[in-house]
Amino acid sequence: EKDMSDGVLDCKASDGKPVKPCAYGHYTTLVNPDLTLTGFGVSQNGNITGIGGNTHSQLFTENANGIGSDAGRIMDVDAYLTDLTAYRDSLTGADAAYQTALSKSKQAAQDASDAAKALAAAQQSARKAAEEAQQAAQKARDLQAAADEAQKAYDEAVKANEDKAKALEEARKDQADKNAAYSAAQQATKEARSGADAATDAQTAAQTAVDKANTAV
């Protein structure tokens, strides 16, 4: 590849420095008019010693009779040129594809970051809502406790008033009973005095009669 950088296969780079190893036989073989067939194979097992990469090989021949039935895909020049052009286009378009993939990757990363921020905001809102709900529940419990205390005080006040009303009614009844007893006692006293007066009058009359009788004697 370095040898071809100046367009001349002479084992020298474009700056004139020797290219080592100098191996351009695959170029001359590719354009050799006597070689009409070629095949390329790649193995997934093992690497090329000193070079690296998967073990591979390309062979050229001018005799199609040596190709067996297991040779794999067989192409003519047009099909090979089509594949070679597609391969070249894939290499020349690799940067654009990379930039597109990179742009998509950056966008995906930005989307992930935005989603993470949205999740964090949602979690914060959820925590705040939970705290506000707890505060509201506590306030409701406090208000209920205050309402219970107020109801208790009201019930006690009503009961106290009921007790006072009952005591007043009983006092009034007791007073009425005592007034009736007092009236009855006054009547009895009056009757007793009347009886005493009658007895005194009778005694006086009897004494008068006795006195008259004594005088007559």
Foldseek 3Di string as FASTA:
>chain_A
DQCPCCPDLDQAGPVRHGHPPRDDVVVVLVPPPQFFFKDKDWDPDDADPPPGDTDMDMDTHNDPVPDDPPRPDGDGPVVVVVVVVVVVVCVVCVVVVVVVVVVVVVVVVVVVVVVVVVVVVVVVVVVVVVVVVVVVVVVVVVVVVVVVVVVVVVVVVVVVVVVVVVVVVVVVVVVVVVVVVVVVVVVVVVVVVVVVVVVVVVVVVVVVVVVVVVVVD
